[in-house]
Amino acid sequence: QVQLVQSGGGLVPAGAPLSPPCAASVRTFISYTIGWFRRVPGKKRAFVAGITRTGSNTYYADSVKGRFTNSRDNAKNTVYLQMNSLKAEDTAVYYCAATGSLSINTHPRNYDYWGQGTQVTVSS
């Protein structure tokens, strides 16, 4: 069982950065590929970014490419989503998720464990 605990959301002005962490309560954290998703009211959960087990590969949705950076510190069992140049349309609840898959999956059904979500609100 993997527990993912999220923090670091909040209200920020457009253009500001934010870097919410996702901490895992498992010693085998390196065994999991991590994905980030976001959801806005009335829409399905959408893929944002993903990072493989060792952090050697990352993948981003086109909407955040060049602005968001996914990284992980396996010694601290923590993944970070560095969000720069935030826009109002980035406002959403952000979720981290873990899968035992070697590759990054963009569909939520491929993830077994989920964080509780953190609200990010960008004011224009």
C-alpha atoms as a PDB file:
ATOM      1  CA  GLN A   1       0.000   0.000   0.000  1.00  0.00           C
ATOM      2  CA  VAL A   2       1.294   3.431  -0.986  1.00  0.00           C
ATOM      3  CA  GLN A   3       0.071   6.599   0.645  1.00  0.00           C
ATOM      4  CA  LEU A   4       0.677   9.843  -1.215  1.00  0.00           C
ATOM      5  CA  VAL A   5       0.394  13.070   0.745  1.00  0.00           C
ATOM      6  CA  GLN A   6       0.178  16.351  -1.083  1.00  0.00           C
ATOM      7  CA  SER A   7       0.736  19.906   0.079  1.00  0.00           C
ATOM      8  CA  GLY A   8       1.825  23.244  -1.305  1.00  0.00           C
ATOM      9  CA  GLY A   9      -1.203  24.409  -3.232  1.00  0.00           C
ATOM     10  CA  GLY A  10      -2.680  27.855  -2.861  1.00  0.00           C
ATOM     11  CA  LEU A  11      -3.701  31.113  -4.479  1.00  0.00           C
ATOM     12  CA  VAL A  12      -1.076  32.806  -6.624  1.00  0.00           C
ATOM     13  CA  PRO A  13      -1.116  35.645  -9.173  1.00  0.00           C
ATOM     14  CA  ALA A  14      -0.665  34.889 -12.844  1.00  0.00           C
ATOM     15  CA  GLY A  15       2.993  34.485 -13.749  1.00  0.00           C
ATOM     16  CA  ALA A  16       4.019  33.385 -10.272  1.00  0.00           C
ATOM     17  CA  PRO A  17       5.648  29.997  -9.552  1.00  0.00           C
ATOM     18  CA  LEU A  18       4.445  27.192  -7.333  1.00  0.00           C
ATOM     19  CA  SER A  19       5.999  23.833  -6.489  1.00  0.00           C
ATOM     20  CA  PRO A  20       3.650  21.493  -4.671  1.00  0.00           C
ATOM     21  CA  PRO A  21       5.338  18.349  -3.324  1.00  0.00           C
ATOM     22  CA  CYS A  22       3.944  14.835  -3.218  1.00  0.00           C
ATOM     23  CA  ALA A  23       5.394  12.657  -0.446  1.00  0.00           C
ATOM     24  CA  ALA A  24       5.079   8.876  -0.361  1.00  0.00           C
ATOM     25  CA  SER A  25       4.957   6.666   2.697  1.00  0.00           C
ATOM     26  CA  VAL A  26       6.711   3.670   1.198  1.00  0.00           C
ATOM     27  CA  ARG A  27      10.342   2.533   1.337  1.00  0.00           C
ATOM     28  CA  THR A  28      10.169   1.226  -2.237  1.00  0.00           C
ATOM     29  CA  PHE A  29       9.290   4.623  -3.689  1.00  0.00           C
ATOM     30  CA  ILE A  30      11.800   4.091  -6.483  1.00  0.00           C
ATOM     31  CA  SER A  31       9.593   1.237  -7.693  1.00  0.00           C
ATOM     32  CA  TYR A  32       6.887   3.642  -8.826  1.00  0.00           C
ATOM     33  CA  THR A  33       6.422   5.871 -11.806  1.00  0.00           C
ATOM     34  CA  ILE A  34       4.614   9.053 -10.763  1.00  0.00           C
ATOM     35  CA  GLY A  35       2.053  10.980 -12.722  1.00  0.00           C
ATOM     36  CA  TRP A  36       0.392  14.335 -12.121  1.00  0.00           C
ATOM     37  CA  PHE A  37      -3.169  15.058 -13.128  1.00  0.00           C
ATOM     38  CA  ARG A  38      -5.503  17.980 -12.682  1.00  0.00           C
ATOM     39  CA  ARG A  39      -9.240  18.385 -12.609  1.00  0.00           C
ATOM     40  CA  VAL A  40     -11.491  21.384 -13.003  1.00  0.00           C
ATOM     41  CA  PRO A  41     -15.186  21.273 -12.099  1.00  0.00           C
ATOM     42  CA  GLY A  42     -17.284  19.553 -14.729  1.00  0.00           C
ATOM     43  CA  LYS A  43     -14.330  17.967 -16.528  1.00  0.00           C
ATOM     44  CA  LYS A  44     -12.465  14.700 -16.304  1.00  0.00           C
ATOM     45  CA  ARG A  45      -9.080  14.332 -14.680  1.00  0.00           C
ATOM     46  CA  ALA A  46      -6.418  15.349 -17.224  1.00  0.00           C
ATOM     47  CA  PHE A  47      -2.791  14.276 -17.455  1.00  0.00           C
ATOM     48  CA  VAL A  48      -0.256  17.000 -16.706  1.00  0.00           C
ATOM     49  CA  ALA A  49       3.177  15.400 -16.269  1.00  0.00           C
ATOM     50  CA  GLY A  50       4.929  12.174 -15.413  1.00  0.00           C
ATOM     51  CA  ILE A  51       8.322  10.965 -14.245  1.00  0.00           C
ATOM     52  CA  THR A  52       9.821   7.501 -14.359  1.00  0.00           C
ATOM     53  CA  ARG A  53      11.244   5.618 -11.395  1.00  0.00           C
ATOM     54  CA  THR A  54      14.747   7.017 -11.432  1.00  0.00           C
ATOM     55  CA  GLY A  55      13.734  10.375 -12.842  1.00  0.00           C
ATOM     56  CA  SER A  56      15.571   9.711 -16.088  1.00  0.00           C
ATOM     57  CA  ASN A  57      12.502  10.358 -18.217  1.00  0.00           C
ATOM     58  CA  THR A  58       9.730  12.898 -17.968  1.00  0.00           C
ATOM     59  CA  TYR A  59       6.722  13.645 -20.134  1.00  0.00           C
ATOM     60  CA  TYR A  60       4.416  16.645 -20.237  1.00  0.00           C
ATOM     61  CA  ALA A  61       1.066  17.612 -21.629  1.00  0.00           C
ATOM     62  CA  ASP A  62       1.378  20.176 -24.410  1.00  0.00           C
ATOM     63  CA  SER A  63      -0.477  22.731 -22.311  1.00  0.00           C
ATOM     64  CA  VAL A  64       2.291  22.814 -19.670  1.00  0.00           C
ATOM     65  CA  LYS A  65       5.380  21.928 -21.686  1.00  0.00           C
ATOM     66  CA  GLY A  66       8.145  24.459 -21.131  1.00  0.00           C
ATOM     67  CA  ARG A  67       6.462  25.848 -17.998  1.00  0.00           C
ATOM     68  CA  PHE A  68       6.210  22.840 -15.660  1.00  0.00           C
ATOM     69  CA  THR A  69       9.077  20.621 -14.521  1.00  0.00           C
ATOM     70  CA  ASN A  70       8.667  17.286 -12.794  1.00  0.00           C
ATOM     71  CA  SER A  71      11.444  16.043 -10.515  1.00  0.00           C
ATOM     72  CA  ARG A  72      11.869  13.541  -7.720  1.00  0.00           C
ATOM     73  CA  ASP A  73      14.107  12.932  -4.748  1.00  0.00           C
ATOM     74  CA  ASN A  74      13.972   9.214  -4.053  1.00  0.00           C
ATOM     75  CA  ALA A  75      16.015   9.596  -0.872  1.00  0.00           C
ATOM     76  CA  LYS A  76      13.180  11.742   0.488  1.00  0.00           C
ATOM     77  CA  ASN A  77      10.364   9.756  -1.172  1.00  0.00           C
ATOM     78  CA  THR A  78       9.113  12.982  -2.695  1.00  0.00           C
ATOM     79  CA  VAL A  79       8.139  14.198  -6.137  1.00  0.00           C
ATOM     80  CA  TYR A  80       7.883  17.865  -7.072  1.00  0.00           C
ATOM     81  CA  LEU A  81       5.955  19.634  -9.781  1.00  0.00           C
ATOM     82  CA  GLN A  82       7.637  22.965 -10.393  1.00  0.00           C
ATOM     83  CA  MET A  83       5.027  25.177 -12.024  1.00  0.00           C
ATOM     84  CA  ASN A  84       6.282  28.407 -13.587  1.00  0.00           C
ATOM     85  CA  SER A  85       4.524  31.139 -15.535  1.00  0.00           C
ATOM     86  CA  LEU A  86       1.180  30.069 -14.161  1.00  0.00           C
ATOM     87  CA  LYS A  87      -1.928  31.069 -16.057  1.00  0.00           C
ATOM     88  CA  ALA A  88      -5.529  31.393 -14.971  1.00  0.00           C
ATOM     89  CA  GLU A  89      -6.350  28.290 -17.011  1.00  0.00           C
ATOM     90  CA  ASP A  90      -3.977  26.279 -14.798  1.00  0.00           C
ATOM     91  CA  THR A  91      -6.467  26.658 -11.953  1.00  0.00           C
ATOM     92  CA  ALA A  92      -7.462  23.156 -10.867  1.00  0.00           C
ATOM     93  CA  VAL A  93      -7.106  20.513  -8.209  1.00  0.00           C
ATOM     94  CA  TYR A  94      -3.794  18.775  -8.811  1.00  0.00           C
ATOM     95  CA  TYR A  95      -3.280  15.104  -7.993  1.00  0.00           C
ATOM     96  CA  CYS A  96      -0.168  12.980  -7.886  1.00  0.00           C
ATOM     97  CA  ALA A  97      -0.509   9.268  -8.570  1.00  0.00           C
ATOM     98  CA  ALA A  98       1.723   6.201  -8.507  1.00  0.00           C
ATOM     99  CA  THR A  99       1.934   3.191 -10.762  1.00  0.00           C
ATOM    100  CA  GLY A 100       4.218   0.169 -10.821  1.00  0.00           C
ATOM    101  CA  SER A 101       4.510   0.547 -14.591  1.00  0.00           C
ATOM    102  CA  LEU A 102       7.966   1.248 -16.018  1.00  0.00           C
ATOM    103  CA  SER A 103       6.607   3.812 -18.451  1.00  0.00           C
ATOM    104  CA  ILE A 104       4.629   7.002 -18.009  1.00  0.00           C
ATOM    105  CA  ASN A 105       0.911   6.533 -18.611  1.00  0.00           C
ATOM    106  CA  THR A 106      -1.361   9.415 -19.449  1.00  0.00           C
ATOM    107  CA  HIS A 107      -4.648   7.765 -18.491  1.00  0.00           C
ATOM    108  CA  PRO A 108      -5.769   7.838 -14.836  1.00  0.00           C
ATOM    109  CA  ARG A 109      -6.925   4.213 -14.941  1.00  0.00           C
ATOM    110  CA  ASN A 110      -3.285   3.088 -15.142  1.00  0.00           C
ATOM    111  CA  TYR A 111      -2.485   4.465 -11.694  1.00  0.00           C
ATOM    112  CA  ASP A 112      -3.078   2.508  -8.526  1.00  0.00           C
ATOM    113  CA  TYR A 113      -2.501   5.056  -5.778  1.00  0.00           C
ATOM    114  CA  TRP A 114      -3.579   8.674  -5.527  1.00  0.00           C
ATOM    115  CA  GLY A 115      -2.825  11.657  -3.393  1.00  0.00           C
ATOM    116  CA  GLN A 116      -5.666  13.617  -1.833  1.00  0.00           C
ATOM    117  CA  GLY A 117      -5.247  16.511  -4.243  1.00  0.00           C
ATOM    118  CA  THR A 118      -4.213  20.108  -3.726  1.00  0.00           C
ATOM    119  CA  GLN A 119      -6.050  23.175  -4.985  1.00  0.00           C
ATOM    120  CA  VAL A 120      -4.094  25.588  -7.169  1.00  0.00           C
ATOM    121  CA  THR A 121      -5.832  28.844  -7.994  1.00  0.00           C
ATOM    122  CA  VAL A 122      -4.238  31.364 -10.325  1.00  0.00           C
ATOM    123  CA  SER A 123      -5.680  34.856 -10.300  1.00  0.00           C
ATOM    124  CA  SER A 124      -5.532  36.855 -13.502  1.00  0.00           C
END
